[in-house]
Each structure stands twice: as structure tokens, then as C-alpha cells.
């Protein structure tokens, strides 16, 4: 699979609305599949963070809209906090079908930020005959 093309297609609406992604990816030595934090792309000028690996994990449950997906946020300025939130949500996505208008209690992982977040379907794409999406995460 050509990952660069896959993510260019999946993130095309994000890029159209917010601008080009920064060239670097926030990642860790121990990756998400090894128990580490999720990898993130960002658009610094827009305070936008977006996961860039979840949709390719076969363990991810399809969303309630029957999509494999990534998560993005624009209202949380702290990259470390956002990475922690998205790592928890990524793990949750392996055990629960998340989707549009779902509200999630994150009080167990969020001491300084919001206690509830909401998912909203931001975009949908068909790539290689499969349905994918991006869900925007906001404070509830």
C-alpha cells in the first residue's frame, strides 16, 4: 500500500479546509502497536492535531457509520495532552464502535482538560473500495 497516497486521499478535506499538514510527525520510539502513544500529524498554524495510523489497524472496530477512521482536534493546544487523549481513544476504538455525535467521558485521563468530549464526522472517503472517515473531537 502507498501510505503517502492513502493519507493524502483521507486527509484531502482537512487540507482543503485548514491547509497543508506540517512535514514532521509526532511519534515515539515505542509506537502505538507496541503500547506507546499514537502518532500525530499537525498543522501548527491552525492548532490542528490528527492521528495518522488508526484507520490501518484491522483491530479497529468500524464506526457506527461503518468507517475505518482517524481522529482530529483543533481546540486543544497541548500536543502532549492531545497525544494522550488520542492514544486512549485509539485503544477504545479497538473495543467499541465509536461514531458521530458520541459523547465520551474522559475524566479518568484528563486532569487539566475537559471531562467530556464529543465526536463529529468531519469527512468521508472511499479509498480502494473501502470506506474511511475523519472524526473531529471537541469538548462536549
C-alpha atoms as a PDB file:
ATOM      1  CA  UNK A   1       0.000   0.000   0.000  1.00  0.00           C
ATOM      2  CA  UNK A   2       1.152   3.507  -0.784  1.00  0.00           C
ATOM      3  CA  UNK A   3       0.695   5.145   2.644  1.00  0.00           C
ATOM      4  CA  UNK A   4       1.517   8.631   1.384  1.00  0.00           C
ATOM      5  CA  UNK A   5      -1.258   8.480  -1.225  1.00  0.00           C
ATOM      6  CA  UNK A   6      -3.670   6.815   1.215  1.00  0.00           C
ATOM      7  CA  UNK A   7      -3.297   9.606   3.758  1.00  0.00           C
ATOM      8  CA  UNK A   8      -3.309  12.321   1.090  1.00  0.00           C
ATOM      9  CA  UNK A   9      -6.699  10.980  -0.025  1.00  0.00           C
ATOM     10  CA  UNK A  10      -8.031  10.515   3.517  1.00  0.00           C
ATOM     11  CA  UNK A  11      -6.875  13.950   4.683  1.00  0.00           C
ATOM     12  CA  UNK A  12      -7.793  15.857   1.493  1.00  0.00           C
ATOM     13  CA  UNK A  13     -10.801  17.601   3.081  1.00  0.00           C
ATOM     14  CA  UNK A  14      -8.724  18.508   6.157  1.00  0.00           C
ATOM     15  CA  UNK A  15      -6.071  20.045   3.886  1.00  0.00           C
ATOM     16  CA  UNK A  16      -8.723  21.854   1.811  1.00  0.00           C
ATOM     17  CA  UNK A  17     -10.240  23.432   4.918  1.00  0.00           C
ATOM     18  CA  UNK A  18      -7.198  24.011   7.159  1.00  0.00           C
ATOM     19  CA  UNK A  19      -4.117  23.979   4.881  1.00  0.00           C
ATOM     20  CA  UNK A  20      -1.150  21.679   4.386  1.00  0.00           C
ATOM     21  CA  UNK A  21      -0.007  19.362   7.149  1.00  0.00           C
ATOM     22  CA  UNK A  22       3.333  20.171   8.772  1.00  0.00           C
ATOM     23  CA  UNK A  23       6.123  17.964   7.333  1.00  0.00           C
ATOM     24  CA  UNK A  24       7.013  16.308  10.649  1.00  0.00           C
ATOM     25  CA  UNK A  25       5.015  13.645  12.502  1.00  0.00           C
ATOM     26  CA  UNK A  26       4.850  13.445  16.305  1.00  0.00           C
ATOM     27  CA  UNK A  27       5.814   9.876  17.091  1.00  0.00           C
ATOM     28  CA  UNK A  28       7.600   7.895  19.786  1.00  0.00           C
ATOM     29  CA  UNK A  29      10.365   5.302  19.844  1.00  0.00           C
ATOM     30  CA  UNK A  30       7.824   2.756  21.098  1.00  0.00           C
ATOM     31  CA  UNK A  31       4.924   3.017  18.680  1.00  0.00           C
ATOM     32  CA  UNK A  32       1.207   2.645  19.293  1.00  0.00           C
ATOM     33  CA  UNK A  33       1.193  -1.002  18.229  1.00  0.00           C
ATOM     34  CA  UNK A  34       3.838  -1.663  20.915  1.00  0.00           C
ATOM     35  CA  UNK A  35       1.907   0.111  23.671  1.00  0.00           C
ATOM     36  CA  UNK A  36       3.282   3.604  23.112  1.00  0.00           C
ATOM     37  CA  UNK A  37       1.490   6.802  22.127  1.00  0.00           C
ATOM     38  CA  UNK A  38      -0.354   7.279  18.855  1.00  0.00           C
ATOM     39  CA  UNK A  39       1.421   9.123  16.022  1.00  0.00           C
ATOM     40  CA  UNK A  40       0.080  12.558  15.107  1.00  0.00           C
ATOM     41  CA  UNK A  41       0.285  14.891  12.169  1.00  0.00           C
ATOM     42  CA  UNK A  42      -0.355  18.551  12.815  1.00  0.00           C
ATOM     43  CA  UNK A  43      -0.985  21.931  11.300  1.00  0.00           C
ATOM     44  CA  UNK A  44       0.684  24.232  13.811  1.00  0.00           C
ATOM     45  CA  UNK A  45      -0.843  27.439  12.440  1.00  0.00           C
ATOM     46  CA  UNK A  46      -4.356  26.006  12.950  1.00  0.00           C
ATOM     47  CA  UNK A  47      -3.678  24.227  16.261  1.00  0.00           C
ATOM     48  CA  UNK A  48      -4.789  21.032  14.495  1.00  0.00           C
ATOM     49  CA  UNK A  49      -3.712  17.539  15.521  1.00  0.00           C
ATOM     50  CA  UNK A  50      -4.750  14.414  13.617  1.00  0.00           C
ATOM     51  CA  UNK A  51      -3.942  10.756  14.165  1.00  0.00           C
ATOM     52  CA  UNK A  52      -2.173   9.055  11.294  1.00  0.00           C
ATOM     53  CA  UNK A  53      -2.276   5.307  11.860  1.00  0.00           C
ATOM     54  CA  UNK A  54      -5.593   4.201  13.391  1.00  0.00           C
ATOM     55  CA  UNK A  55      -7.500   3.613  10.145  1.00  0.00           C
ATOM     56  CA  UNK A  56      -4.998   0.981   9.037  1.00  0.00           C
ATOM     57  CA  UNK A  57      -5.276  -1.256  12.106  1.00  0.00           C
ATOM     58  CA  UNK A  58      -7.503  -4.262  11.387  1.00  0.00           C
ATOM     59  CA  UNK A  59      -8.330  -4.398  15.128  1.00  0.00           C
ATOM     60  CA  UNK A  60     -10.136  -1.048  14.951  1.00  0.00           C
ATOM     61  CA  UNK A  61     -13.898  -1.560  15.172  1.00  0.00           C
ATOM     62  CA  UNK A  62     -15.827   0.074  12.367  1.00  0.00           C
ATOM     63  CA  UNK A  63     -17.501   3.276  13.459  1.00  0.00           C
ATOM     64  CA  UNK A  64     -21.272   3.414  13.788  1.00  0.00           C
ATOM     65  CA  UNK A  65     -21.200   4.881  10.259  1.00  0.00           C
ATOM     66  CA  UNK A  66     -19.267   1.738   9.101  1.00  0.00           C
ATOM     67  CA  UNK A  67     -15.979   3.594   8.588  1.00  0.00           C
ATOM     68  CA  UNK A  68     -12.348   2.982   9.497  1.00  0.00           C
ATOM     69  CA  UNK A  69     -11.152   6.337  10.725  1.00  0.00           C
ATOM     70  CA  UNK A  70      -8.702   8.817  12.160  1.00  0.00           C
ATOM     71  CA  UNK A  71      -9.327  11.459  14.840  1.00  0.00           C
ATOM     72  CA  UNK A  72      -8.579  15.179  14.730  1.00  0.00           C
ATOM     73  CA  UNK A  73      -8.907  18.178  17.029  1.00  0.00           C
ATOM     74  CA  UNK A  74      -8.423  21.919  16.704  1.00  0.00           C
ATOM     75  CA  UNK A  75      -9.315  23.223  20.165  1.00  0.00           C
ATOM     76  CA  UNK A  76      -6.703  21.506  22.345  1.00  0.00           C
ATOM     77  CA  UNK A  77      -3.372  23.405  22.182  1.00  0.00           C
ATOM     78  CA  UNK A  78      -1.223  20.976  24.176  1.00  0.00           C
ATOM     79  CA  UNK A  79       0.378  18.378  21.870  1.00  0.00           C
ATOM     80  CA  UNK A  80       1.247  16.025  24.729  1.00  0.00           C
ATOM     81  CA  UNK A  81      -2.302  16.159  26.135  1.00  0.00           C
ATOM     82  CA  UNK A  82      -3.776  15.635  22.667  1.00  0.00           C
ATOM     83  CA  UNK A  83      -1.483  12.659  22.043  1.00  0.00           C
ATOM     84  CA  UNK A  84      -2.538  11.166  25.379  1.00  0.00           C
ATOM     85  CA  UNK A  85      -6.242  11.680  24.592  1.00  0.00           C
ATOM     86  CA  UNK A  86      -5.939  10.207  21.097  1.00  0.00           C
ATOM     87  CA  UNK A  87      -3.936   7.241  22.393  1.00  0.00           C
ATOM     88  CA  UNK A  88      -6.748   6.459  24.848  1.00  0.00           C
ATOM     89  CA  UNK A  89      -9.400   6.923  22.149  1.00  0.00           C
ATOM     90  CA  UNK A  90      -7.370   4.778  19.751  1.00  0.00           C
ATOM     91  CA  UNK A  91      -7.296   1.974  22.299  1.00  0.00           C
ATOM     92  CA  UNK A  92     -11.030   2.434  22.895  1.00  0.00           C
ATOM     93  CA  UNK A  93     -11.640   2.155  19.136  1.00  0.00           C
ATOM     94  CA  UNK A  94     -10.351  -1.427  19.286  1.00  0.00           C
ATOM     95  CA  UNK A  95     -13.047  -2.339  21.802  1.00  0.00           C
ATOM     96  CA  UNK A  96     -16.063  -0.147  20.982  1.00  0.00           C
ATOM     97  CA  UNK A  97     -17.835   1.159  17.904  1.00  0.00           C
ATOM     98  CA  UNK A  98     -17.463   4.930  18.158  1.00  0.00           C
ATOM     99  CA  UNK A  99     -19.211   7.357  15.854  1.00  0.00           C
ATOM    100  CA  UNK A 100     -20.867  10.643  15.002  1.00  0.00           C
ATOM    101  CA  UNK A 101     -22.366  12.549  17.943  1.00  0.00           C
ATOM    102  CA  UNK A 102     -20.951  10.123  20.523  1.00  0.00           C
ATOM    103  CA  UNK A 103     -20.003  11.722  23.836  1.00  0.00           C
ATOM    104  CA  UNK A 104     -17.188  10.120  25.833  1.00  0.00           C
ATOM    105  CA  UNK A 105     -16.287  10.667  29.492  1.00  0.00           C
ATOM    106  CA  UNK A 106     -12.518  11.219  29.661  1.00  0.00           C
ATOM    107  CA  UNK A 107     -12.363  12.311  33.299  1.00  0.00           C
ATOM    108  CA  UNK A 108     -10.138   9.311  34.062  1.00  0.00           C
ATOM    109  CA  UNK A 109      -7.402  10.576  31.728  1.00  0.00           C
ATOM    110  CA  UNK A 110      -7.954  14.343  31.798  1.00  0.00           C
ATOM    111  CA  UNK A 111      -6.915  16.239  34.907  1.00  0.00           C
ATOM    112  CA  UNK A 112      -6.462  19.650  33.278  1.00  0.00           C
ATOM    113  CA  UNK A 113      -8.683  19.496  30.185  1.00  0.00           C
ATOM    114  CA  UNK A 114     -12.338  18.817  29.510  1.00  0.00           C
ATOM    115  CA  UNK A 115     -14.067  15.898  31.202  1.00  0.00           C
ATOM    116  CA  UNK A 116     -16.324  15.070  28.240  1.00  0.00           C
ATOM    117  CA  UNK A 117     -15.538  15.071  24.534  1.00  0.00           C
ATOM    118  CA  UNK A 118     -17.791  14.665  21.516  1.00  0.00           C
ATOM    119  CA  UNK A 119     -17.088  13.070  18.139  1.00  0.00           C
ATOM    120  CA  UNK A 120     -18.436  14.619  14.937  1.00  0.00           C
ATOM    121  CA  UNK A 121     -17.987  13.122  11.492  1.00  0.00           C
ATOM    122  CA  UNK A 122     -15.803  15.621   9.617  1.00  0.00           C
ATOM    123  CA  UNK A 123     -15.241  13.792   6.316  1.00  0.00           C
ATOM    124  CA  UNK A 124     -15.796  10.513   4.496  1.00  0.00           C
ATOM    125  CA  UNK A 125     -13.724   8.942   1.711  1.00  0.00           C
ATOM    126  CA  UNK A 126     -13.778   5.791  -0.378  1.00  0.00           C
ATOM    127  CA  UNK A 127     -10.217   4.552  -0.872  1.00  0.00           C
ATOM    128  CA  UNK A 128      -9.511   1.316  -2.722  1.00  0.00           C
ATOM    129  CA  UNK A 129     -13.195   0.393  -2.369  1.00  0.00           C
ATOM    130  CA  UNK A 130     -13.190   0.797   1.444  1.00  0.00           C
ATOM    131  CA  UNK A 131     -14.981   3.452   3.499  1.00  0.00           C
ATOM    132  CA  UNK A 132     -12.881   5.753   5.681  1.00  0.00           C
ATOM    133  CA  UNK A 133     -13.502   8.872   7.692  1.00  0.00           C
ATOM    134  CA  UNK A 134     -12.123  11.557   9.960  1.00  0.00           C
ATOM    135  CA  UNK A 135     -13.923  12.385  13.200  1.00  0.00           C
ATOM    136  CA  UNK A 136     -13.412  15.760  14.836  1.00  0.00           C
ATOM    137  CA  UNK A 137     -13.022  15.665  18.623  1.00  0.00           C
ATOM    138  CA  UNK A 138     -14.365  18.643  20.579  1.00  0.00           C
ATOM    139  CA  UNK A 139     -15.266  19.479  24.165  1.00  0.00           C
ATOM    140  CA  UNK A 140     -18.801  18.364  24.941  1.00  0.00           C
END
